[in-house]
Protein backbone atom coordinates (compact mmCIF):
# COMPACT_ATOMS: atom_id res chain seq x y z
CA MET A 1 107.58 87.94 82.70
CA ILE A 2 104.54 90.24 82.83
CA ILE A 3 101.97 89.61 80.09
CA LEU A 4 100.30 92.68 78.58
CA ASP A 5 99.29 91.57 75.09
CA LYS A 6 96.67 88.95 76.00
CA SER A 7 92.98 89.17 76.91
CA ILE A 8 91.80 88.20 80.40
CA LYS A 9 90.51 84.93 78.92
CA GLU A 10 93.87 84.15 77.31
CA GLN A 11 95.76 85.01 80.51
CA PHE A 12 93.44 82.78 82.54
CA LYS A 13 93.97 79.90 80.15
CA ILE A 14 97.77 80.35 80.22
CA PHE A 15 97.75 80.53 84.03
CA CYS A 16 95.70 77.35 84.42
CA GLU A 17 97.79 75.46 81.87
CA ILE A 18 101.15 76.44 83.37
CA ASN A 19 100.01 75.54 86.88
CA LYS A 20 97.84 72.56 85.90
CA ILE A 21 94.81 73.87 87.79
CA ASP A 22 91.50 72.08 87.32
CA ASP A 23 89.53 73.54 90.25
CA MET A 24 88.11 76.89 89.12
CA GLN A 25 87.72 78.32 92.63
CA ILE A 26 91.41 77.72 93.27
CA ALA A 27 92.21 79.08 89.82
CA ILE A 28 90.34 82.35 90.44
CA LYS A 29 91.83 82.81 93.92
CA TYR A 30 95.42 82.52 92.70
CA PHE A 31 94.83 84.13 89.30
CA THR A 32 93.68 87.28 91.10
CA ILE A 33 97.26 87.66 92.39
CA PHE A 34 99.53 85.84 89.96
CA GLY A 35 97.50 86.16 86.75
CA GLY A 36 99.52 87.66 83.93
CA LEU A 37 102.81 86.30 85.26
CA LYS A 38 104.47 83.41 83.49
CA ILE A 39 105.55 81.58 86.63
CA GLU A 40 104.75 78.23 88.21
CA ILE A 41 103.29 78.26 91.70
CA ASP A 42 102.27 75.52 94.12
CA THR A 43 98.57 76.14 94.72
CA SER A 44 98.55 73.63 97.57
CA LYS A 45 100.45 76.26 99.60
CA PRO A 46 98.76 79.19 101.40
CA ILE A 47 98.48 82.24 99.19
CA LEU A 48 100.39 84.53 101.58
CA GLU A 49 103.29 82.10 101.62
CA LEU A 50 103.39 82.16 97.81
CA ILE A 51 103.13 85.95 97.65
CA GLU A 52 106.08 86.28 100.02
CA LYS A 53 108.17 83.72 98.14
CA HIS A 54 107.46 84.78 94.57
CA ILE A 55 106.68 88.50 94.82
CA LEU A 56 107.78 90.21 98.03
CA ASN A 57 111.15 88.47 98.18
CA ASN A 58 111.67 89.54 94.56
CA TYR A 59 110.50 93.10 95.13
CA ASN A 60 113.47 94.80 93.45
CA TYR A 61 113.12 92.66 90.32
CA TYR A 62 109.41 93.35 89.88
CA ARG A 63 109.73 97.02 90.77
CA SER A 64 112.35 97.41 88.04
CA GLU A 65 110.24 95.54 85.49
CA ILE A 66 107.09 97.48 86.35
CA ASN A 67 108.90 100.83 86.25
CA HIS A 68 110.14 99.87 82.79
CA LEU A 69 106.54 99.26 81.70
CA THR A 70 105.00 102.34 83.31
CA GLY A 71 107.86 104.80 83.06
CA GLY A 72 108.05 104.95 86.85
CA TYR A 73 106.24 108.27 87.20
CA HIS A 74 104.92 109.00 90.68
CA VAL A 75 101.58 110.42 89.53
CA ASP A 76 100.94 107.47 87.22
CA HIS A 77 101.60 105.07 90.08
CA ALA A 78 99.31 107.03 92.41
CA ILE A 79 96.50 106.77 89.84
CA LEU A 80 97.15 103.06 89.33
CA SER A 81 96.87 102.52 93.09
CA GLY A 82 93.66 104.57 93.08
CA VAL A 83 92.22 102.30 90.40
CA ALA A 84 93.39 99.11 92.12
CA LEU A 85 91.97 100.05 95.52
CA GLY A 86 88.71 101.68 94.43
CA ASP A 87 85.64 101.14 92.28
CA ARG A 88 87.64 101.74 89.05
CA LYS A 89 85.81 104.96 88.14
CA THR A 90 88.08 107.69 86.78
CA THR A 91 86.79 110.40 89.09
CA ASN A 92 87.30 108.36 92.25
CA ALA A 93 90.73 107.12 91.18
CA PHE A 94 91.85 110.71 90.58
CA LYS A 95 90.54 111.79 94.00
CA ARG A 96 92.53 109.01 95.65
CA ALA A 97 95.62 110.14 93.73
CA HIS A 98 94.97 113.83 94.54
CA VAL A 99 95.14 114.94 90.90
CA SER A 100 92.82 117.01 88.75
CA PHE A 101 90.61 115.34 86.16
CA GLU A 102 92.63 116.88 83.32
CA GLU A 103 95.98 115.71 84.70
CA GLY A 104 94.52 112.32 85.53
CA MET A 105 93.21 111.74 82.01
CA LYS A 106 96.59 112.65 80.51
CA CYS A 107 98.16 109.95 82.67
CA VAL A 108 95.41 107.48 81.80
CA ASP A 109 95.88 108.09 78.07
CA SER A 110 99.58 107.33 78.50
CA LEU A 111 98.89 104.17 80.52
CA TYR A 112 96.37 103.08 77.90
CA GLU A 113 98.95 103.47 75.14
CA LYS A 114 101.34 101.35 77.23
CA GLU A 115 98.62 98.64 77.44
CA ILE A 116 98.51 98.79 81.24
CA LEU A 117 94.95 100.09 81.52
CA ASP A 118 91.83 99.74 79.42
CA ILE A 119 89.22 102.50 79.40
CA ASP A 120 85.66 101.20 79.73
CA SER A 121 82.43 103.13 79.08
CA SER A 122 78.98 102.21 80.33
CA GLU A 123 77.19 100.34 77.55
CA HIS A 124 74.06 102.52 77.48
CA PHE A 125 73.25 101.68 73.87
CA LEU A 126 72.98 97.94 74.63
CA LEU A 127 70.03 98.70 76.89
CA GLY A 128 68.50 101.35 74.65
CA LYS A 129 69.57 104.14 76.99
CA ARG A 130 70.87 107.58 76.09
CA GLY A 131 74.49 108.19 76.93
CA ASP A 132 75.22 110.44 79.87
CA SER A 133 78.45 112.43 79.83
CA LYS A 134 78.22 112.74 83.63
CA VAL A 135 78.72 108.99 84.07
CA ALA A 136 82.41 108.39 84.75
CA LYS A 137 84.39 105.92 82.69
CA LYS A 138 86.00 102.93 84.41
CA LEU A 139 89.66 101.93 84.25
CA ILE A 140 90.47 98.24 83.97
CA PHE A 141 93.89 96.69 84.56
CA THR A 142 94.87 94.52 81.60
CA ASN A 143 96.86 92.29 83.95
CA PRO A 144 95.69 90.93 87.37
CA PHE A 145 99.20 90.92 88.85
CA LEU A 146 99.63 94.64 88.15
CA ARG A 147 96.32 95.34 89.89
CA PHE A 148 97.54 93.37 92.92
CA TRP A 149 100.89 95.18 92.89
CA PHE A 150 99.38 98.66 92.85
CA ALA A 151 96.77 97.74 95.46
CA PHE A 152 99.04 96.19 98.08
CA VAL A 153 102.73 96.58 97.24
CA SER A 154 103.33 99.97 95.65
CA PRO A 155 101.53 102.06 98.34
CA ILE A 156 103.69 100.61 101.15
CA TYR A 157 106.84 99.80 99.22
CA LYS A 158 109.28 101.15 101.83
CA GLY A 159 108.59 98.44 104.40
CA ILE A 160 108.53 95.72 101.75
CA LYS A 161 111.80 96.96 100.29
CA ASP A 162 113.35 96.66 103.76
CA GLY A 163 112.01 93.13 104.20
CA ASN A 164 109.22 94.09 106.61
CA TYR A 165 106.02 92.43 105.37
CA GLU A 166 103.76 92.89 108.40
CA GLU A 167 101.88 95.94 107.09
CA PHE A 168 101.40 94.21 103.76
CA LYS A 169 99.97 91.09 105.41
CA GLU A 170 97.60 93.16 107.52
CA LYS A 171 96.28 95.12 104.53
CA PHE A 172 96.02 92.07 102.30
CA LYS A 173 94.08 90.05 104.88
CA SER A 174 91.60 92.91 105.28
CA ARG A 175 90.83 92.96 101.54
CA GLU A 176 91.49 89.38 100.44
CA SER A 177 87.87 88.23 100.71
CA ASP A 178 86.55 90.75 98.17
CA PHE A 179 89.63 91.36 96.02
CA SER A 180 88.62 88.64 93.54
CA ASP A 181 85.21 90.20 92.87
CA PHE A 182 86.24 92.26 89.84
CA ILE A 183 88.29 89.40 88.38
CA PHE A 184 85.28 87.10 88.69
CA GLU A 185 83.15 89.68 86.86
CA GLU A 186 85.71 89.94 84.06
CA LEU A 187 85.87 86.16 83.66
CA ALA A 188 82.06 85.89 83.72
CA LEU A 189 81.85 88.52 80.98
CA ALA A 190 84.50 86.63 78.99
CA PHE A 191 82.36 83.49 79.36
CA ILE A 192 79.33 85.30 77.95
CA LYS A 193 81.38 86.60 75.04
CA ASN A 194 83.05 83.30 74.17
CA SER A 195 81.02 80.40 75.56
CA PHE A 196 77.36 81.43 75.84
CA VAL A 197 74.83 79.24 74.03
CA ASP A 198 73.81 82.16 71.76
CA ASN A 199 76.34 84.05 69.67
CA ILE A 200 77.16 87.45 71.14
CA LYS A 201 77.76 90.52 68.99
CA GLN A 202 78.28 93.15 71.71
CA HIS A 203 78.99 92.96 75.42
CA GLY A 204 80.13 95.04 78.37
CA GLN A 205 78.88 96.53 81.63
CA TYR A 206 76.28 99.16 82.45
CA TRP A 207 76.36 101.64 85.30
CA ASN A 208 75.05 105.00 86.37
CA GLU A 209 74.74 106.77 89.71
CA ASN A 210 72.08 104.34 90.91
CA ILE A 211 72.90 100.91 89.52
CA ASN A 212 75.76 98.71 88.38
CA ILE A 213 75.13 95.74 86.06
CA PRO A 214 78.35 93.73 85.62
CA ILE A 215 77.09 91.89 82.54
CA VAL A 216 75.14 93.29 79.59
CA ALA A 217 75.19 91.79 76.13
CA LYS A 218 73.33 91.64 72.84
CA THR A 219 73.02 88.43 70.84
CA VAL A 220 73.11 88.27 67.06
CA LEU A 221 69.35 87.64 67.28
CA GLU A 222 68.99 90.98 69.13
CA LYS A 223 68.21 89.45 72.51
CA THR A 224 69.31 91.55 75.47
CA ILE A 225 71.18 89.81 78.30
CA VAL A 226 71.71 91.29 81.76
CA GLY A 227 73.58 89.57 84.54
CA MET A 228 74.63 89.67 88.17
CA CYS A 229 77.66 88.17 89.94
CA LYS A 230 78.26 87.10 93.52
CA TYR A 231 81.71 85.90 94.52
CA SER A 232 81.03 84.89 98.10
CA ASP A 233 81.10 81.74 100.20
CA ASN A 234 77.38 82.27 100.81
CA LYS A 235 74.84 81.07 98.27
CA LEU A 236 72.88 83.68 96.35
CA LYS A 237 69.44 84.09 97.90
CA LYS A 238 66.17 84.76 96.12
CA SER A 239 65.87 88.03 98.06
CA GLU A 240 69.14 89.22 96.49
CA PHE A 241 67.87 88.26 93.06
CA ASN A 242 64.61 90.11 93.73
CA LYS A 243 66.62 93.22 94.64
CA PHE A 244 68.40 92.96 91.27
CA LEU A 245 65.01 92.73 89.53
CA GLU A 246 63.78 95.77 91.46
CA ASP A 247 66.85 97.74 90.39
CA LEU A 248 66.24 96.84 86.75
CA LYS A 249 62.61 97.90 87.04
CA SER A 250 63.47 101.18 88.77
CA GLU A 251 65.82 102.07 85.92
CA ASP A 252 63.28 100.93 83.30
CA ILE A 253 65.72 98.38 81.86
CA ALA A 254 64.21 95.84 79.47
CA TYR A 255 65.83 92.43 78.96
CA ASP A 256 65.21 89.01 77.44
CA ILE A 257 67.60 86.83 79.44
CA ILE A 258 69.11 87.10 82.93
CA VAL A 259 72.34 85.31 83.75
CA ILE A 260 73.65 84.70 87.26
CA PHE A 261 77.26 83.82 88.12
CA THR A 262 78.10 82.71 91.66
CA LYS A 263 81.00 81.23 93.56
CA ASN A 264 78.99 78.76 95.60
CA GLY A 265 75.65 78.44 93.86
CA CYS A 266 72.14 79.63 94.63
CA SER A 267 69.46 78.76 97.15
CA ASN A 268 67.09 75.95 96.17
CA GLU A 269 64.30 78.50 95.90
CA LEU A 270 66.27 80.41 93.29
CA LYS A 271 67.50 77.31 91.47
CA ASN A 272 63.88 76.28 90.95
CA LEU A 273 63.39 79.42 88.84
CA LYS A 274 66.02 78.35 86.32
CA SER A 275 64.69 78.52 82.74
CA ASP A 276 65.55 79.60 79.21
CA THR A 277 65.27 83.19 80.38
CA LEU A 278 67.11 82.72 83.70
CA LYS A 279 70.42 80.93 83.32
CA ILE A 280 72.55 80.11 86.35
CA PHE A 281 76.31 79.51 86.27
CA ASN A 282 79.02 78.97 88.87
CA THR A 283 82.81 78.86 88.94
CA LYS A 284 82.82 75.39 87.35
CA SER A 285 81.18 76.91 84.29
CA LEU A 286 84.29 79.01 83.69
CA LYS A 287 86.21 75.87 82.78
CA ALA A 288 84.77 76.48 79.31
CA LEU A 289 87.23 79.38 79.00
CA LEU A 290 90.05 76.84 78.99
CA LEU A 291 88.55 74.81 76.16
CA ASN A 292 87.89 77.47 73.56
CA ASN A 293 90.56 78.76 71.22
């Protein structure tokens, strides 16, 4: 069963409860692929083995279910693959799908009504910036499994349909290390919305041609939060944090609190800067998403 009527936080909680996962790094790794499916998986097994067993070997079943959800239109599926494989911006997704902006937006509107995609705008107002109509909107899959499907399965369906998984394995291995990045950002943003020490009244992301800030939020006390994420085996270095500060300064972005979310923590030099205005979180922090209603 493919879940479309739940938030990313709710899907994450359901996934962890069904599969009894307590380790958040394992949870994120497998949620990136199987999130939004109501199935039990054995997370002690290699992820490729589970993908083959639960998804590729059941290709016809999932293709039928997904076509029922999307309508099965070729152009819609091309756009969905463009979103899944790219930076999520409308313009770039449409280029990948070889469709005009007008045709692409008609398809997006339809996919939005079907609850397959969300349409996200840069939150200029949260940072006191004027809106810019030239800044493309972003398209967000409501369901992690569908993002996985349109990134790795749908574009090469012929081989998979015939039971040949070699091309799939090659493509998946080449993207596996960074494919969880967007999911981590979504979960970090959900944490800020639901579990941050201060109550949040507005939240989202900010981007323009020069900068991308995965977390921006405004507290009920009108404090501005900006945040960065790093989902990598390497610790976040102070030099990377300084680059983030430089980007904020170059765009004249004012803030009260900076939040950092990482997979494997920060360097000691950066940890020593932790304060009320610099808050540092890691994957373990996301366990709070499982506790809140």
